Amino acid sequence: MIILHISDIHYDKALLSEIKNRNYDVLCISGDLLAEPGCTPINVQINEIISILKKVKKPLFIASGNHDLDGKWLRKIKKAHLGGENEKIKNIKIGVVNFGCDDFSKFKKCDVLVTHVPPFGSKTAICSQSGNDLGDKILAKAIKKGQISPRYILCGHIHNPMTNYEIFEKINILNASCKAYDIDIQDFL
């Protein structure tokens, strides 16, 4: 099963075009679909993004990010699996974590976790320019305590991480960081 993983789109038209131009079985977006309101008003961005995502014919999982306001506008995409939801696709359980989640208990049995922020302590959470770890401490704690143990975490948030991919606490972590990646998930399960 091929997952197209995208994060930190920030209303980038080229990155949005990857959604319709790539061949995949499942689309996972790790937040920050919206950009700052500068040149394009937020309502215009929201309407265009909703229009694009409503046309997706494949299963769609979207984690909200810190730029996505409260994320409620994503509910207009009826078929999308949003924060707090789990769904099994071809025997792979995918869970979606909203930005700011502080309870990971419902994701205990997930194979793939779609979230915006990588776990604290992972190189995918460390900004290569500043050296600061901007990862999610609550997520890292849930992993270290064994509350969750997905095989894969798909994330974003850090645009220039030390690395885009790492095995952290036996979990494959991919920070798409403003890009689109095809992942053959069977390779990891």
C-alpha atoms as a PDB file:
ATOM      1  CA  MET A   1       0.000   0.000   0.000  1.00  0.00           C
ATOM      2  CA  ILE A   2       1.424   3.356  -1.067  1.00  0.00           C
ATOM      3  CA  ILE A   3       0.848   6.299   1.259  1.00  0.00           C
ATOM      4  CA  LEU A   4       1.396   9.800  -0.071  1.00  0.00           C
ATOM      5  CA  HIS A   5       2.587  11.791   2.934  1.00  0.00           C
ATOM      6  CA  ILE A   6       2.611  15.599   2.784  1.00  0.00           C
ATOM      7  CA  SER A   7       3.145  18.155   5.503  1.00  0.00           C
ATOM      8  CA  ASP A   8       3.450  21.904   5.857  1.00  0.00           C
ATOM      9  CA  ILE A   9       1.760  22.727   2.570  1.00  0.00           C
ATOM     10  CA  HIS A  10       1.241  26.355   3.638  1.00  0.00           C
ATOM     11  CA  TYR A  11      -0.992  26.889   0.591  1.00  0.00           C
ATOM     12  CA  ASP A  12       1.878  26.081  -1.782  1.00  0.00           C
ATOM     13  CA  LYS A  13       0.212  25.447  -5.166  1.00  0.00           C
ATOM     14  CA  ALA A  14       3.006  23.149  -6.371  1.00  0.00           C
ATOM     15  CA  LEU A  15       2.710  20.993  -3.267  1.00  0.00           C
ATOM     16  CA  LEU A  16      -1.090  20.954  -3.542  1.00  0.00           C
ATOM     17  CA  SER A  17      -0.732  19.738  -7.144  1.00  0.00           C
ATOM     18  CA  GLU A  18       1.137  16.653  -5.873  1.00  0.00           C
ATOM     19  CA  ILE A  19      -2.193  15.484  -4.432  1.00  0.00           C
ATOM     20  CA  LYS A  20      -3.730  15.132  -7.889  1.00  0.00           C
ATOM     21  CA  ASN A  21      -0.566  14.236  -9.826  1.00  0.00           C
ATOM     22  CA  ARG A  22       0.745  11.320  -7.767  1.00  0.00           C
ATOM     23  CA  ASN A  23      -0.428   7.699  -7.755  1.00  0.00           C
ATOM     24  CA  TYR A  24      -1.153   6.437  -4.225  1.00  0.00           C
ATOM     25  CA  ASP A  25      -3.568   4.328  -2.175  1.00  0.00           C
ATOM     26  CA  VAL A  26      -3.894   6.602   0.875  1.00  0.00           C
ATOM     27  CA  LEU A  27      -3.241  10.322   1.418  1.00  0.00           C
ATOM     28  CA  CYS A  28      -1.896  11.460   4.806  1.00  0.00           C
ATOM     29  CA  ILE A  29      -1.420  15.164   5.530  1.00  0.00           C
ATOM     30  CA  SER A  30       0.490  16.170   8.659  1.00  0.00           C
ATOM     31  CA  GLY A  31      -0.911  19.643   9.120  1.00  0.00           C
ATOM     32  CA  ASP A  32      -0.247  23.243   8.229  1.00  0.00           C
ATOM     33  CA  LEU A  33      -2.320  23.367   5.073  1.00  0.00           C
ATOM     34  CA  LEU A  34      -2.798  27.131   5.462  1.00  0.00           C
ATOM     35  CA  ALA A  35      -0.296  29.946   5.012  1.00  0.00           C
ATOM     36  CA  GLU A  36      -0.179  33.308   6.719  1.00  0.00           C
ATOM     37  CA  PRO A  37      -2.981  35.516   5.347  1.00  0.00           C
ATOM     38  CA  GLY A  38      -0.525  37.914   3.604  1.00  0.00           C
ATOM     39  CA  CYS A  39      -1.194  37.679  -0.144  1.00  0.00           C
ATOM     40  CA  THR A  40      -4.142  35.291  -0.090  1.00  0.00           C
ATOM     41  CA  PRO A  41      -6.977  35.730   2.412  1.00  0.00           C
ATOM     42  CA  ILE A  42      -7.542  32.749   4.721  1.00  0.00           C
ATOM     43  CA  ASN A  43     -11.105  32.154   3.466  1.00  0.00           C
ATOM     44  CA  VAL A  44      -9.801  31.877  -0.115  1.00  0.00           C
ATOM     45  CA  GLN A  45      -7.106  29.412   0.987  1.00  0.00           C
ATOM     46  CA  ILE A  46      -9.630  27.329   2.923  1.00  0.00           C
ATOM     47  CA  ASN A  47     -12.102  27.178   0.035  1.00  0.00           C
ATOM     48  CA  GLU A  48      -9.454  26.160  -2.501  1.00  0.00           C
ATOM     49  CA  ILE A  49      -7.917  23.522  -0.239  1.00  0.00           C
ATOM     50  CA  ILE A  50     -11.356  22.078   0.556  1.00  0.00           C
ATOM     51  CA  SER A  51     -12.155  21.969  -3.165  1.00  0.00           C
ATOM     52  CA  ILE A  52      -8.939  20.061  -3.926  1.00  0.00           C
ATOM     53  CA  LEU A  53      -9.334  17.600  -1.044  1.00  0.00           C
ATOM     54  CA  LYS A  54     -12.997  16.871  -1.786  1.00  0.00           C
ATOM     55  CA  LYS A  55     -11.863  15.522  -5.175  1.00  0.00           C
ATOM     56  CA  VAL A  56      -9.529  12.949  -3.603  1.00  0.00           C
ATOM     57  CA  LYS A  57     -10.952   9.492  -4.322  1.00  0.00           C
ATOM     58  CA  LYS A  58      -8.640   7.629  -1.939  1.00  0.00           C
ATOM     59  CA  PRO A  59      -8.766   7.356   1.861  1.00  0.00           C
ATOM     60  CA  LEU A  60      -7.711  10.693   3.348  1.00  0.00           C
ATOM     61  CA  PHE A  61      -6.204  11.341   6.797  1.00  0.00           C
ATOM     62  CA  ILE A  62      -5.554  14.914   7.964  1.00  0.00           C
ATOM     63  CA  ALA A  63      -3.897  16.033  11.198  1.00  0.00           C
ATOM     64  CA  SER A  64      -4.341  19.713  11.936  1.00  0.00           C
ATOM     65  CA  GLY A  65      -1.277  21.890  12.442  1.00  0.00           C
ATOM     66  CA  ASN A  66      -0.524  25.103  14.281  1.00  0.00           C
ATOM     67  CA  HIS A  67      -1.319  27.176  11.141  1.00  0.00           C
ATOM     68  CA  ASP A  68      -4.731  25.549  10.575  1.00  0.00           C
ATOM     69  CA  LEU A  69      -6.675  27.779  12.972  1.00  0.00           C
ATOM     70  CA  ASP A  70      -8.853  25.492  15.086  1.00  0.00           C
ATOM     71  CA  GLY A  71      -9.062  22.908  12.269  1.00  0.00           C
ATOM     72  CA  LYS A  72     -12.875  22.875  12.323  1.00  0.00           C
ATOM     73  CA  TRP A  73     -12.977  23.951   8.684  1.00  0.00           C
ATOM     74  CA  LEU A  74     -11.502  20.541   7.791  1.00  0.00           C
ATOM     75  CA  ARG A  75     -14.847  18.940   8.760  1.00  0.00           C
ATOM     76  CA  LYS A  76     -16.254  20.212   5.464  1.00  0.00           C
ATOM     77  CA  ILE A  77     -14.266  17.406   3.833  1.00  0.00           C
ATOM     78  CA  LYS A  78     -16.789  14.737   4.805  1.00  0.00           C
ATOM     79  CA  LYS A  79     -14.757  11.676   3.849  1.00  0.00           C
ATOM     80  CA  ALA A  80     -11.583  12.830   5.611  1.00  0.00           C
ATOM     81  CA  HIS A  81     -10.441  11.085   8.783  1.00  0.00           C
ATOM     82  CA  LEU A  82      -9.522  13.890  11.166  1.00  0.00           C
ATOM     83  CA  GLY A  83      -7.955  14.253  14.601  1.00  0.00           C
ATOM     84  CA  GLY A  84      -9.013  11.672  17.144  1.00  0.00           C
ATOM     85  CA  GLU A  85     -10.061   9.137  14.518  1.00  0.00           C
ATOM     86  CA  ASN A  86      -8.674   5.686  13.756  1.00  0.00           C
ATOM     87  CA  GLU A  87      -9.431   3.702  10.623  1.00  0.00           C
ATOM     88  CA  LYS A  88      -8.245   0.383   9.266  1.00  0.00           C
ATOM     89  CA  ILE A  89      -7.189   0.346   5.614  1.00  0.00           C
ATOM     90  CA  LYS A  90      -6.014  -3.008   4.228  1.00  0.00           C
ATOM     91  CA  ASN A  91      -5.318  -4.292   7.770  1.00  0.00           C
ATOM     92  CA  ILE A  92      -3.238  -1.231   8.654  1.00  0.00           C
ATOM     93  CA  LYS A  93      -4.715   0.877  11.451  1.00  0.00           C
ATOM     94  CA  ILE A  94      -4.085   4.585  10.891  1.00  0.00           C
ATOM     95  CA  GLY A  95      -4.694   7.135  13.642  1.00  0.00           C
ATOM     96  CA  VAL A  96      -4.880  10.913  13.308  1.00  0.00           C
ATOM     97  CA  VAL A  97      -3.664  13.222  16.077  1.00  0.00           C
ATOM     98  CA  ASN A  98      -4.780  16.850  16.197  1.00  0.00           C
ATOM     99  CA  PHE A  99      -2.315  19.606  17.021  1.00  0.00           C
ATOM    100  CA  GLY A 100      -2.058  19.999  20.782  1.00  0.00           C
ATOM    101  CA  CYS A 101      -3.266  16.487  21.655  1.00  0.00           C
ATOM    102  CA  ASP A 102      -2.510  15.523  25.248  1.00  0.00           C
ATOM    103  CA  ASP A 103      -4.089  12.060  25.398  1.00  0.00           C
ATOM    104  CA  PHE A 104      -2.743   9.349  23.111  1.00  0.00           C
ATOM    105  CA  SER A 105      -4.646   6.427  24.682  1.00  0.00           C
ATOM    106  CA  LYS A 106      -7.019   6.006  21.716  1.00  0.00           C
ATOM    107  CA  PHE A 107      -4.007   5.464  19.446  1.00  0.00           C
ATOM    108  CA  LYS A 108      -2.564   2.514  21.386  1.00  0.00           C
ATOM    109  CA  LYS A 109      -3.200  -0.036  18.631  1.00  0.00           C
ATOM    110  CA  CYS A 110      -2.337   2.133  15.622  1.00  0.00           C
ATOM    111  CA  ASP A 111       0.227   0.944  13.100  1.00  0.00           C
ATOM    112  CA  VAL A 112       0.589   4.424  11.590  1.00  0.00           C
ATOM    113  CA  LEU A 113       0.157   7.692  13.465  1.00  0.00           C
ATOM    114  CA  VAL A 114      -0.408  10.915  11.508  1.00  0.00           C
ATOM    115  CA  THR A 115       0.495  13.956  13.598  1.00  0.00           C
ATOM    116  CA  HIS A 116       1.812  17.447  13.026  1.00  0.00           C
ATOM    117  CA  VAL A 117       4.706  17.614  15.495  1.00  0.00           C
ATOM    118  CA  PRO A 118       7.394  14.910  15.724  1.00  0.00           C
ATOM    119  CA  PRO A 119       8.281  13.489  19.137  1.00  0.00           C
ATOM    120  CA  PHE A 120      10.689  15.444  21.316  1.00  0.00           C
ATOM    121  CA  GLY A 121      14.142  13.866  21.254  1.00  0.00           C
ATOM    122  CA  SER A 122      13.897  12.702  17.648  1.00  0.00           C
ATOM    123  CA  LYS A 123      16.306  14.216  15.122  1.00  0.00           C
ATOM    124  CA  THR A 124      13.233  14.859  12.970  1.00  0.00           C
ATOM    125  CA  ALA A 125      12.171  17.395  15.645  1.00  0.00           C
ATOM    126  CA  ILE A 126      15.463  19.288  15.799  1.00  0.00           C
ATOM    127  CA  CYS A 127      15.754  22.419  13.667  1.00  0.00           C
ATOM    128  CA  SER A 128      18.988  22.124  11.671  1.00  0.00           C
ATOM    129  CA  GLN A 129      19.562  25.894  11.763  1.00  0.00           C
ATOM    130  CA  SER A 130      19.043  26.618  15.467  1.00  0.00           C
ATOM    131  CA  GLY A 131      19.660  23.187  16.972  1.00  0.00           C
ATOM    132  CA  ASN A 132      16.477  23.584  19.020  1.00  0.00           C
ATOM    133  CA  ASP A 133      14.317  20.535  19.671  1.00  0.00           C
ATOM    134  CA  LEU A 134      10.778  21.651  18.816  1.00  0.00           C
ATOM    135  CA  GLY A 135       9.236  18.226  19.279  1.00  0.00           C
ATOM    136  CA  ASP A 136       6.136  17.160  21.161  1.00  0.00           C
ATOM    137  CA  LYS A 137       7.088  16.221  24.728  1.00  0.00           C
ATOM    138  CA  ILE A 138       3.728  14.599  25.474  1.00  0.00           C
ATOM    139  CA  LEU A 139       4.031  12.370  22.387  1.00  0.00           C
ATOM    140  CA  ALA A 140       7.603  11.433  23.355  1.00  0.00           C
ATOM    141  CA  LYS A 141       6.459  10.574  26.881  1.00  0.00           C
ATOM    142  CA  ALA A 142       3.621   8.380  25.546  1.00  0.00           C
ATOM    143  CA  ILE A 143       6.145   6.523  23.368  1.00  0.00           C
ATOM    144  CA  LYS A 144       8.704   6.055  26.148  1.00  0.00           C
ATOM    145  CA  LYS A 145       6.041   4.803  28.585  1.00  0.00           C
ATOM    146  CA  GLY A 146       4.792   2.296  25.990  1.00  0.00           C
ATOM    147  CA  GLN A 147       1.342   3.897  25.856  1.00  0.00           C
ATOM    148  CA  ILE A 148       1.632   3.898  22.071  1.00  0.00           C
ATOM    149  CA  SER A 149       3.927   1.948  19.781  1.00  0.00           C
ATOM    150  CA  PRO A 150       3.046   2.615  16.154  1.00  0.00           C
ATOM    151  CA  ARG A 151       5.367   1.236  13.523  1.00  0.00           C
ATOM    152  CA  TYR A 152       5.320   4.578  11.755  1.00  0.00           C
ATOM    153  CA  ILE A 153       4.819   8.241  12.701  1.00  0.00           C
ATOM    154  CA  LEU A 154       4.132  10.642   9.835  1.00  0.00           C
ATOM    155  CA  CYS A 155       4.742  14.231  10.885  1.00  0.00           C
ATOM    156  CA  GLY A 156       5.925  17.681   9.836  1.00  0.00           C
ATOM    157  CA  HIS A 157       6.152  21.056  11.635  1.00  0.00           C
ATOM    158  CA  ILE A 158       9.954  21.379  11.481  1.00  0.00           C
ATOM    159  CA  HIS A 159      10.718  22.701   7.995  1.00  0.00           C
ATOM    160  CA  ASN A 160      14.468  22.042   8.130  1.00  0.00           C
ATOM    161  CA  PRO A 161      14.974  19.100  10.474  1.00  0.00           C
ATOM    162  CA  MET A 162      18.352  17.499  11.151  1.00  0.00           C
ATOM    163  CA  THR A 163      16.956  14.534   9.232  1.00  0.00           C
ATOM    164  CA  ASN A 164      13.643  13.752   7.561  1.00  0.00           C
ATOM    165  CA  TYR A 165      13.718  10.074   8.532  1.00  0.00           C
ATOM    166  CA  GLU A 166      14.819   8.317  11.675  1.00  0.00           C
ATOM    167  CA  ILE A 167      14.112   5.200  13.669  1.00  0.00           C
ATOM    168  CA  PHE A 168      13.323   6.555  17.139  1.00  0.00           C
ATOM    169  CA  GLU A 169      12.416   4.193  19.987  1.00  0.00           C
ATOM    170  CA  LYS A 170      11.900   1.448  17.335  1.00  0.00           C
ATOM    171  CA  ILE A 171       9.421   3.665  15.425  1.00  0.00           C
ATOM    172  CA  ASN A 172       9.978   4.791  11.832  1.00  0.00           C
ATOM    173  CA  ILE A 173       9.491   8.565  11.822  1.00  0.00           C
ATOM    174  CA  LEU A 174       9.120  10.591   8.623  1.00  0.00           C
ATOM    175  CA  ASN A 175       8.978  14.374   8.778  1.00  0.00           C
ATOM    176  CA  ALA A 176       7.820  15.396   5.294  1.00  0.00           C
ATOM    177  CA  SER A 177       8.799  19.034   6.024  1.00  0.00           C
ATOM    178  CA  CYS A 178       7.159  20.933   3.136  1.00  0.00           C
ATOM    179  CA  LYS A 179       7.478  18.029   0.709  1.00  0.00           C
ATOM    180  CA  ALA A 180       5.558  14.996  -0.551  1.00  0.00           C
ATOM    181  CA  TYR A 181       6.830  11.443  -0.048  1.00  0.00           C
ATOM    182  CA  ASP A 182       5.580   8.108  -1.364  1.00  0.00           C
ATOM    183  CA  ILE A 183       5.862   5.428   1.302  1.00  0.00           C
ATOM    184  CA  ASP A 184       5.383   1.732   0.611  1.00  0.00           C
ATOM    185  CA  ILE A 185       3.992   0.972   4.039  1.00  0.00           C
ATOM    186  CA  GLN A 186       4.264  -2.814   3.570  1.00  0.00           C
ATOM    187  CA  ASP A 187       8.031  -2.395   3.825  1.00  0.00           C
ATOM    188  CA  PHE A 188       7.638  -1.322   7.431  1.00  0.00           C
ATOM    189  CA  LEU A 189       4.944  -3.646   8.780  1.00  0.00           C
END
